[in-house]
Amino acid sequence: MDEIILARLKEKPEEGARPSEIAKWLLGEIGADFSDFLFMQYFFRAFEVSLINVRDLEQWVGLGRGGSLSDSDINNLFGSLRARP
């Protein structure tokens, strides 16, 4: 896990980014190293979110695998993200 990406990820909510926008940014940063586990691990380490909600990210349409959760669903699921200290 890249600590620079993690630190930048934690700043995103304060910049006004919604959860789906943050997820899209993270996908771009992970790039070729992408895995579901790494994606969820970043979200869980960066934000005060439940593990159950993080697991729901696997169903996000933004991953391009026919998931059932839209950007709006992700935004509603996570609401206002708060960074972990």
PDB file of N, CA and C in Angstrom:
ATOM      1  N   MET A   1       0.843  -1.171   0.000  1.00  0.00           N
ATOM      2  CA  MET A   1       0.000   0.000   0.000  1.00  0.00           C
ATOM      3  C   MET A   1       0.893   1.240   0.000  1.00  0.00           C
ATOM      4  N   ASP A   2       0.566   2.154  -0.854  1.00  0.00           N
ATOM      5  CA  ASP A   2       1.333   3.387  -1.014  1.00  0.00           C
ATOM      6  C   ASP A   2       0.826   4.432  -0.019  1.00  0.00           C
ATOM      7  N   GLU A   3       1.689   4.829   0.892  1.00  0.00           N
ATOM      8  CA  GLU A   3       1.298   5.786   1.935  1.00  0.00           C
ATOM      9  C   GLU A   3       0.991   7.173   1.372  1.00  0.00           C
ATOM     10  N   ILE A   4       1.580   7.523   0.246  1.00  0.00           N
ATOM     11  CA  ILE A   4       1.291   8.814  -0.392  1.00  0.00           C
ATOM     12  C   ILE A   4      -0.137   8.806  -0.944  1.00  0.00           C
ATOM     13  N   ILE A   5      -0.512   7.713  -1.590  1.00  0.00           N
ATOM     14  CA  ILE A   5      -1.887   7.593  -2.082  1.00  0.00           C
ATOM     15  C   ILE A   5      -2.857   7.627  -0.910  1.00  0.00           C
ATOM     16  N   LEU A   6      -2.542   6.910   0.150  1.00  0.00           N
ATOM     17  CA  LEU A   6      -3.405   6.876   1.324  1.00  0.00           C
ATOM     18  C   LEU A   6      -3.591   8.270   1.920  1.00  0.00           C
ATOM     19  N   ALA A   7      -2.517   9.018   2.057  1.00  0.00           N
ATOM     20  CA  ALA A   7      -2.601  10.375   2.609  1.00  0.00           C
ATOM     21  C   ALA A   7      -3.440  11.277   1.713  1.00  0.00           C
ATOM     22  N   ARG A   8      -3.240  11.175   0.413  1.00  0.00           N
ATOM     23  CA  ARG A   8      -4.009  11.999  -0.533  1.00  0.00           C
ATOM     24  C   ARG A   8      -5.480  11.605  -0.525  1.00  0.00           C
ATOM     25  N   LEU A   9      -5.747  10.319  -0.398  1.00  0.00           N
ATOM     26  CA  LEU A   9      -7.106   9.803  -0.330  1.00  0.00           C
ATOM     27  C   LEU A   9      -7.857  10.410   0.858  1.00  0.00           C
ATOM     28  N   LYS A  10      -7.183  10.514   1.977  1.00  0.00           N
ATOM     29  CA  LYS A  10      -7.798  11.079   3.182  1.00  0.00           C
ATOM     30  C   LYS A  10      -8.168  12.552   3.018  1.00  0.00           C
ATOM     31  N   GLU A  11      -7.507  13.246   2.114  1.00  0.00           N
ATOM     32  CA  GLU A  11      -7.782  14.674   1.884  1.00  0.00           C
ATOM     33  C   GLU A  11      -8.999  14.910   0.991  1.00  0.00           C
ATOM     34  N   LYS A  12      -9.361  13.916   0.215  1.00  0.00           N
ATOM     35  CA  LYS A  12     -10.411  14.082  -0.797  1.00  0.00           C
ATOM     36  C   LYS A  12     -11.754  14.587  -0.242  1.00  0.00           C
ATOM     37  N   PRO A  13     -12.269  14.047   0.868  1.00  0.00           N
ATOM     38  CA  PRO A  13     -13.558  14.556   1.356  1.00  0.00           C
ATOM     39  C   PRO A  13     -13.519  16.046   1.718  1.00  0.00           C
ATOM     40  N   GLU A  14     -12.424  16.497   2.277  1.00  0.00           N
ATOM     41  CA  GLU A  14     -12.304  17.914   2.639  1.00  0.00           C
ATOM     42  C   GLU A  14     -12.235  18.808   1.413  1.00  0.00           C
ATOM     43  N   GLU A  15     -11.862  18.238   0.283  1.00  0.00           N
ATOM     44  CA  GLU A  15     -11.832  18.982  -0.981  1.00  0.00           C
ATOM     45  C   GLU A  15     -13.215  19.009  -1.637  1.00  0.00           C
ATOM     46  N   GLY A  16     -14.180  18.330  -1.013  1.00  0.00           N
ATOM     47  CA  GLY A  16     -15.540  18.320  -1.522  1.00  0.00           C
ATOM     48  C   GLY A  16     -15.878  17.157  -2.427  1.00  0.00           C
ATOM     49  N   ALA A  17     -14.985  16.199  -2.550  1.00  0.00           N
ATOM     50  CA  ALA A  17     -15.235  15.041  -3.417  1.00  0.00           C
ATOM     51  C   ALA A  17     -16.245  14.098  -2.767  1.00  0.00           C
ATOM     52  N   ARG A  18     -17.155  13.606  -3.574  1.00  0.00           N
ATOM     53  CA  ARG A  18     -18.149  12.632  -3.116  1.00  0.00           C
ATOM     54  C   ARG A  18     -17.521  11.242  -3.144  1.00  0.00           C
ATOM     55  N   PRO A  19     -18.099  10.278  -2.412  1.00  0.00           N
ATOM     56  CA  PRO A  19     -17.514   8.928  -2.373  1.00  0.00           C
ATOM     57  C   PRO A  19     -17.262   8.302  -3.744  1.00  0.00           C
ATOM     58  N   SER A  20     -18.199   8.465  -4.681  1.00  0.00           N
ATOM     59  CA  SER A  20     -17.981   7.875  -6.008  1.00  0.00           C
ATOM     60  C   SER A  20     -16.824   8.553  -6.738  1.00  0.00           C
ATOM     61  N   GLU A  21     -16.661   9.847  -6.558  1.00  0.00           N
ATOM     62  CA  GLU A  21     -15.540  10.566  -7.173  1.00  0.00           C
ATOM     63  C   GLU A  21     -14.215  10.119  -6.552  1.00  0.00           C
ATOM     64  N   ILE A  22     -14.246   9.901  -5.258  1.00  0.00           N
ATOM     65  CA  ILE A  22     -13.051   9.422  -4.553  1.00  0.00           C
ATOM     66  C   ILE A  22     -12.684   8.022  -5.050  1.00  0.00           C
ATOM     67  N   ALA A  23     -13.677   7.172  -5.211  1.00  0.00           N
ATOM     68  CA  ALA A  23     -13.434   5.814  -5.697  1.00  0.00           C
ATOM     69  C   ALA A  23     -12.842   5.841  -7.106  1.00  0.00           C
ATOM     70  N   LYS A  24     -13.369   6.711  -7.967  1.00  0.00           N
ATOM     71  CA  LYS A  24     -12.829   6.829  -9.328  1.00  0.00           C
ATOM     72  C   LYS A  24     -11.379   7.310  -9.303  1.00  0.00           C
ATOM     73  N   TRP A  25     -11.091   8.277  -8.452  1.00  0.00           N
ATOM     74  CA  TRP A  25      -9.725   8.783  -8.326  1.00  0.00           C
ATOM     75  C   TRP A  25      -8.796   7.650  -7.878  1.00  0.00           C
ATOM     76  N   LEU A  26      -9.258   6.888  -6.878  1.00  0.00           N
ATOM     77  CA  LEU A  26      -8.442   5.796  -6.352  1.00  0.00           C
ATOM     78  C   LEU A  26      -8.168   4.737  -7.421  1.00  0.00           C
ATOM     79  N   LEU A  27      -9.170   4.413  -8.221  1.00  0.00           N
ATOM     80  CA  LEU A  27      -8.952   3.450  -9.312  1.00  0.00           C
ATOM     81  C   LEU A  27      -7.822   3.904 -10.225  1.00  0.00           C
ATOM     82  N   GLY A  28      -7.836   5.192 -10.551  1.00  0.00           N
ATOM     83  CA  GLY A  28      -6.788   5.732 -11.408  1.00  0.00           C
ATOM     84  C   GLY A  28      -5.412   5.676 -10.772  1.00  0.00           C
ATOM     85  N   GLU A  29      -5.360   5.909  -9.470  1.00  0.00           N
ATOM     86  CA  GLU A  29      -4.078   5.881  -8.763  1.00  0.00           C
ATOM     87  C   GLU A  29      -3.528   4.464  -8.632  1.00  0.00           C
ATOM     88  N   ILE A  30      -4.393   3.507  -8.382  1.00  0.00           N
ATOM     89  CA  ILE A  30      -3.946   2.114  -8.238  1.00  0.00           C
ATOM     90  C   ILE A  30      -3.462   1.576  -9.583  1.00  0.00           C
ATOM     91  N   GLY A  31      -4.201   1.905 -10.646  1.00  0.00           N
ATOM     92  CA  GLY A  31      -3.797   1.507 -11.992  1.00  0.00           C
ATOM     93  C   GLY A  31      -3.672   0.011 -12.173  1.00  0.00           C
ATOM     94  N   ALA A  32      -2.567  -0.414 -12.764  1.00  0.00           N
ATOM     95  CA  ALA A  32      -2.353  -1.816 -13.127  1.00  0.00           C
ATOM     96  C   ALA A  32      -2.250  -2.735 -11.911  1.00  0.00           C
ATOM     97  N   ASP A  33      -1.988  -2.175 -10.744  1.00  0.00           N
ATOM     98  CA  ASP A  33      -1.878  -2.985  -9.532  1.00  0.00           C
ATOM     99  C   ASP A  33      -3.229  -3.289  -8.904  1.00  0.00           C
ATOM    100  N   PHE A  34      -4.327  -2.889  -9.575  1.00  0.00           N
ATOM    101  CA  PHE A  34      -5.659  -3.019  -9.001  1.00  0.00           C
ATOM    102  C   PHE A  34      -6.006  -4.450  -8.617  1.00  0.00           C
ATOM    103  N   SER A  35      -6.611  -4.568  -7.444  1.00  0.00           N
ATOM    104  CA  SER A  35      -7.293  -5.795  -7.009  1.00  0.00           C
ATOM    105  C   SER A  35      -8.428  -5.327  -6.107  1.00  0.00           C
ATOM    106  N   ASP A  36      -9.487  -6.127  -6.017  1.00  0.00           N
ATOM    107  CA  ASP A  36     -10.595  -5.770  -5.130  1.00  0.00           C
ATOM    108  C   ASP A  36     -10.092  -5.555  -3.712  1.00  0.00           C
ATOM    109  N   PHE A  37      -9.240  -6.468  -3.265  1.00  0.00           N
ATOM    110  CA  PHE A  37      -8.740  -6.391  -1.902  1.00  0.00           C
ATOM    111  C   PHE A  37      -7.989  -5.090  -1.654  1.00  0.00           C
ATOM    112  N   LEU A  38      -7.101  -4.704  -2.563  1.00  0.00           N
ATOM    113  CA  LEU A  38      -6.325  -3.475  -2.391  1.00  0.00           C
ATOM    114  C   LEU A  38      -7.242  -2.255  -2.397  1.00  0.00           C
ATOM    115  N   PHE A  39      -8.193  -2.228  -3.304  1.00  0.00           N
ATOM    116  CA  PHE A  39      -9.153  -1.126  -3.404  1.00  0.00           C
ATOM    117  C   PHE A  39      -9.927  -0.969  -2.093  1.00  0.00           C
ATOM    118  N   MET A  40     -10.452  -2.076  -1.580  1.00  0.00           N
ATOM    119  CA  MET A  40     -11.214  -2.027  -0.328  1.00  0.00           C
ATOM    120  C   MET A  40     -10.318  -1.691   0.861  1.00  0.00           C
ATOM    121  N   GLN A  41      -9.094  -2.177   0.838  1.00  0.00           N
ATOM    122  CA  GLN A  41      -8.162  -1.907   1.924  1.00  0.00           C
ATOM    123  C   GLN A  41      -7.848  -0.410   2.016  1.00  0.00           C
ATOM    124  N   TYR A  42      -7.635   0.234   0.893  1.00  0.00           N
ATOM    125  CA  TYR A  42      -7.411   1.676   0.896  1.00  0.00           C
ATOM    126  C   TYR A  42      -8.602   2.403   1.515  1.00  0.00           C
ATOM    127  N   PHE A  43      -9.818   2.060   1.071  1.00  0.00           N
ATOM    128  CA  PHE A  43     -11.012   2.734   1.582  1.00  0.00           C
ATOM    129  C   PHE A  43     -11.142   2.524   3.086  1.00  0.00           C
ATOM    130  N   PHE A  44     -10.923   1.310   3.549  1.00  0.00           N
ATOM    131  CA  PHE A  44     -11.066   1.004   4.972  1.00  0.00           C
ATOM    132  C   PHE A  44      -9.997   1.690   5.809  1.00  0.00           C
ATOM    133  N   ARG A  45      -8.777   1.729   5.328  1.00  0.00           N
ATOM    134  CA  ARG A  45      -7.690   2.381   6.085  1.00  0.00           C
ATOM    135  C   ARG A  45      -7.805   3.890   6.068  1.00  0.00           C
ATOM    136  N   ALA A  46      -8.379   4.449   5.011  1.00  0.00           N
ATOM    137  CA  ALA A  46      -8.454   5.902   4.889  1.00  0.00           C
ATOM    138  C   ALA A  46      -9.638   6.505   5.641  1.00  0.00           C
ATOM    139  N   PHE A  47     -10.756   5.790   5.682  1.00  0.00           N
ATOM    140  CA  PHE A  47     -11.990   6.390   6.179  1.00  0.00           C
ATOM    141  C   PHE A  47     -12.629   5.586   7.298  1.00  0.00           C
ATOM    142  N   GLU A  48     -13.393   6.282   8.124  1.00  0.00           N
ATOM    143  CA  GLU A  48     -14.139   5.642   9.204  1.00  0.00           C
ATOM    144  C   GLU A  48     -15.424   5.065   8.613  1.00  0.00           C
ATOM    145  N   VAL A  49     -15.291   3.877   8.045  1.00  0.00           N
ATOM    146  CA  VAL A  49     -16.403   3.180   7.401  1.00  0.00           C
ATOM    147  C   VAL A  49     -16.434   1.740   7.898  1.00  0.00           C
ATOM    148  N   SER A  50     -17.607   1.139   7.816  1.00  0.00           N
ATOM    149  CA  SER A  50     -17.719  -0.249   8.258  1.00  0.00           C
ATOM    150  C   SER A  50     -17.163  -1.187   7.189  1.00  0.00           C
ATOM    151  N   LEU A  51     -16.683  -2.303   7.638  1.00  0.00           N
ATOM    152  CA  LEU A  51     -16.160  -3.316   6.721  1.00  0.00           C
ATOM    153  C   LEU A  51     -17.261  -3.824   5.797  1.00  0.00           C
ATOM    154  N   ILE A  52     -18.486  -3.907   6.295  1.00  0.00           N
ATOM    155  CA  ILE A  52     -19.613  -4.349   5.469  1.00  0.00           C
ATOM    156  C   ILE A  52     -19.825  -3.393   4.299  1.00  0.00           C
ATOM    157  N   ASN A  53     -19.809  -2.083   4.566  1.00  0.00           N
ATOM    158  CA  ASN A  53     -19.979  -1.113   3.484  1.00  0.00           C
ATOM    159  C   ASN A  53     -18.822  -1.160   2.500  1.00  0.00           C
ATOM    160  N   VAL A  54     -17.631  -1.343   3.002  1.00  0.00           N
ATOM    161  CA  VAL A  54     -16.468  -1.424   2.115  1.00  0.00           C
ATOM    162  C   VAL A  54     -16.599  -2.635   1.187  1.00  0.00           C
ATOM    163  N   ARG A  55     -17.096  -3.733   1.711  1.00  0.00           N
ATOM    164  CA  ARG A  55     -17.270  -4.936   0.872  1.00  0.00           C
ATOM    165  C   ARG A  55     -18.289  -4.687  -0.231  1.00  0.00           C
ATOM    166  N   ASP A  56     -19.251  -3.794   0.013  1.00  0.00           N
ATOM    167  CA  ASP A  56     -20.246  -3.470  -1.016  1.00  0.00           C
ATOM    168  C   ASP A  56     -19.622  -2.787  -2.229  1.00  0.00           C
ATOM    169  N   LEU A  57     -18.435  -2.232  -2.070  1.00  0.00           N
ATOM    170  CA  LEU A  57     -17.757  -1.600  -3.208  1.00  0.00           C
ATOM    171  C   LEU A  57     -17.540  -2.585  -4.360  1.00  0.00           C
ATOM    172  N   GLU A  58     -17.477  -3.870  -4.046  1.00  0.00           N
ATOM    173  CA  GLU A  58     -17.305  -4.881  -5.102  1.00  0.00           C
ATOM    174  C   GLU A  58     -18.450  -4.846  -6.114  1.00  0.00           C
ATOM    175  N   GLN A  59     -19.609  -4.321  -5.692  1.00  0.00           N
ATOM    176  CA  GLN A  59     -20.785  -4.285  -6.555  1.00  0.00           C
ATOM    177  C   GLN A  59     -20.973  -2.945  -7.258  1.00  0.00           C
ATOM    178  N   TRP A  60     -19.994  -2.080  -7.178  1.00  0.00           N
ATOM    179  CA  TRP A  60     -20.074  -0.752  -7.796  1.00  0.00           C
ATOM    180  C   TRP A  60     -19.871  -0.874  -9.307  1.00  0.00           C
ATOM    181  N   VAL A  61     -20.732  -0.213 -10.078  1.00  0.00           N
ATOM    182  CA  VAL A  61     -20.633  -0.248 -11.542  1.00  0.00           C
ATOM    183  C   VAL A  61     -19.321   0.350 -12.038  1.00  0.00           C
ATOM    184  N   GLY A  62     -18.721   1.220 -11.260  1.00  0.00           N
ATOM    185  CA  GLY A  62     -17.478   1.868 -11.645  1.00  0.00           C
ATOM    186  C   GLY A  62     -16.306   0.918 -11.820  1.00  0.00           C
ATOM    187  N   LEU A  63     -16.442  -0.293 -11.306  1.00  0.00           N
ATOM    188  CA  LEU A  63     -15.371  -1.278 -11.480  1.00  0.00           C
ATOM    189  C   LEU A  63     -15.444  -1.950 -12.847  1.00  0.00           C
ATOM    190  N   GLY A  64     -16.555  -1.714 -13.567  1.00  0.00           N
ATOM    191  CA  GLY A  64     -16.670  -2.232 -14.923  1.00  0.00           C
ATOM    192  C   GLY A  64     -16.915  -3.718 -15.033  1.00  0.00           C
ATOM    193  N   ARG A  65     -17.508  -4.300 -13.998  1.00  0.00           N
ATOM    194  CA  ARG A  65     -17.753  -5.741 -14.030  1.00  0.00           C
ATOM    195  C   ARG A  65     -19.235  -6.082 -13.882  1.00  0.00           C
ATOM    196  N   GLY A  66     -20.082  -5.138 -14.266  1.00  0.00           N
ATOM    197  CA  GLY A  66     -21.513  -5.415 -14.223  1.00  0.00           C
ATOM    198  C   GLY A  66     -22.129  -5.353 -12.840  1.00  0.00           C
ATOM    199  N   GLY A  67     -21.508  -4.598 -11.938  1.00  0.00           N
ATOM    200  CA  GLY A  67     -22.058  -4.449 -10.600  1.00  0.00           C
ATOM    201  C   GLY A  67     -23.407  -3.758 -10.616  1.00  0.00           C
ATOM    202  N   SER A  68     -24.094  -3.815  -9.496  1.00  0.00           N
ATOM    203  CA  SER A  68     -25.444  -3.269  -9.426  1.00  0.00           C
ATOM    204  C   SER A  68     -25.538  -1.932  -8.693  1.00  0.00           C
ATOM    205  N   LEU A  69     -24.454  -1.442  -8.102  1.00  0.00           N
ATOM    206  CA  LEU A  69     -24.494  -0.182  -7.352  1.00  0.00           C
ATOM    207  C   LEU A  69     -23.994   0.976  -8.212  1.00  0.00           C
ATOM    208  N   SER A  70     -24.854   1.973  -8.386  1.00  0.00           N
ATOM    209  CA  SER A  70     -24.508   3.160  -9.173  1.00  0.00           C
ATOM    210  C   SER A  70     -23.658   4.122  -8.345  1.00  0.00           C
ATOM    211  N   ASP A  71     -23.193   5.171  -8.994  1.00  0.00           N
ATOM    212  CA  ASP A  71     -22.467   6.218  -8.271  1.00  0.00           C
ATOM    213  C   ASP A  71     -23.345   6.781  -7.155  1.00  0.00           C
ATOM    214  N   SER A  72     -24.616   7.032  -7.446  1.00  0.00           N
ATOM    215  CA  SER A  72     -25.546   7.555  -6.432  1.00  0.00           C
ATOM    216  C   SER A  72     -25.689   6.588  -5.262  1.00  0.00           C
ATOM    217  N   ASP A  73     -25.751   5.296  -5.565  1.00  0.00           N
ATOM    218  CA  ASP A  73     -25.844   4.285  -4.502  1.00  0.00           C
ATOM    219  C   ASP A  73     -24.619   4.342  -3.589  1.00  0.00           C
ATOM    220  N   ILE A  74     -23.443   4.458  -4.199  1.00  0.00           N
ATOM    221  CA  ILE A  74     -22.204   4.536  -3.421  1.00  0.00           C
ATOM    222  C   ILE A  74     -22.189   5.813  -2.577  1.00  0.00           C
ATOM    223  N   ASN A  75     -22.615   6.917  -3.167  1.00  0.00           N
ATOM    224  CA  ASN A  75     -22.657   8.175  -2.417  1.00  0.00           C
ATOM    225  C   ASN A  75     -23.606   8.065  -1.232  1.00  0.00           C
ATOM    226  N   ASN A  76     -24.753   7.438  -1.430  1.00  0.00           N
ATOM    227  CA  ASN A  76     -25.717   7.263  -0.337  1.00  0.00           C
ATOM    228  C   ASN A  76     -25.217   6.278   0.707  1.00  0.00           C
ATOM    229  N   LEU A  77     -24.551   5.244   0.267  1.00  0.00           N
ATOM    230  CA  LEU A  77     -24.035   4.220   1.172  1.00  0.00           C
ATOM    231  C   LEU A  77     -22.995   4.789   2.135  1.00  0.00           C
ATOM    232  N   PHE A  78     -22.092   5.614   1.591  1.00  0.00           N
ATOM    233  CA  PHE A  78     -20.998   6.136   2.414  1.00  0.00           C
ATOM    234  C   PHE A  78     -21.273   7.511   2.998  1.00  0.00           C
ATOM    235  N   GLY A  79     -22.178   8.262   2.384  1.00  0.00           N
ATOM    236  CA  GLY A  79     -22.502   9.603   2.896  1.00  0.00           C
ATOM    237  C   GLY A  79     -21.265  10.489   2.942  1.00  0.00           C
ATOM    238  N   SER A  80     -21.111  11.194   4.042  1.00  0.00           N
ATOM    239  CA  SER A  80     -19.941  12.067   4.226  1.00  0.00           C
ATOM    240  C   SER A  80     -18.807  11.251   4.833  1.00  0.00           C
ATOM    241  N   LEU A  81     -17.777  11.059   4.058  1.00  0.00           N
ATOM    242  CA  LEU A  81     -16.631  10.287   4.540  1.00  0.00           C
ATOM    243  C   LEU A  81     -15.792  11.101   5.512  1.00  0.00           C
ATOM    244  N   ARG A  82     -15.344  10.434   6.568  1.00  0.00           N
ATOM    245  CA  ARG A  82     -14.418  11.055   7.526  1.00  0.00           C
ATOM    246  C   ARG A  82     -13.132  10.256   7.535  1.00  0.00           C
ATOM    247  N   ALA A  83     -12.036  10.977   7.432  1.00  0.00           N
ATOM    248  CA  ALA A  83     -10.725  10.318   7.412  1.00  0.00           C
ATOM    249  C   ALA A  83     -10.384   9.736   8.773  1.00  0.00           C
ATOM    250  N   ARG A  84      -9.765   8.590   8.747  1.00  0.00           N
ATOM    251  CA  ARG A  84      -9.220   8.010   9.994  1.00  0.00           C
ATOM    252  C   ARG A  84      -7.991   8.816  10.396  1.00  0.00           C
ATOM    253  N   PRO A  85      -7.784   8.959  11.695  1.00  0.00           N
ATOM    254  CA  PRO A  85      -6.571   9.680  12.149  1.00  0.00           C
ATOM    255  C   PRO A  85      -5.295   8.919  11.803  1.00  0.00           C
TER     256      PRO A  85
END
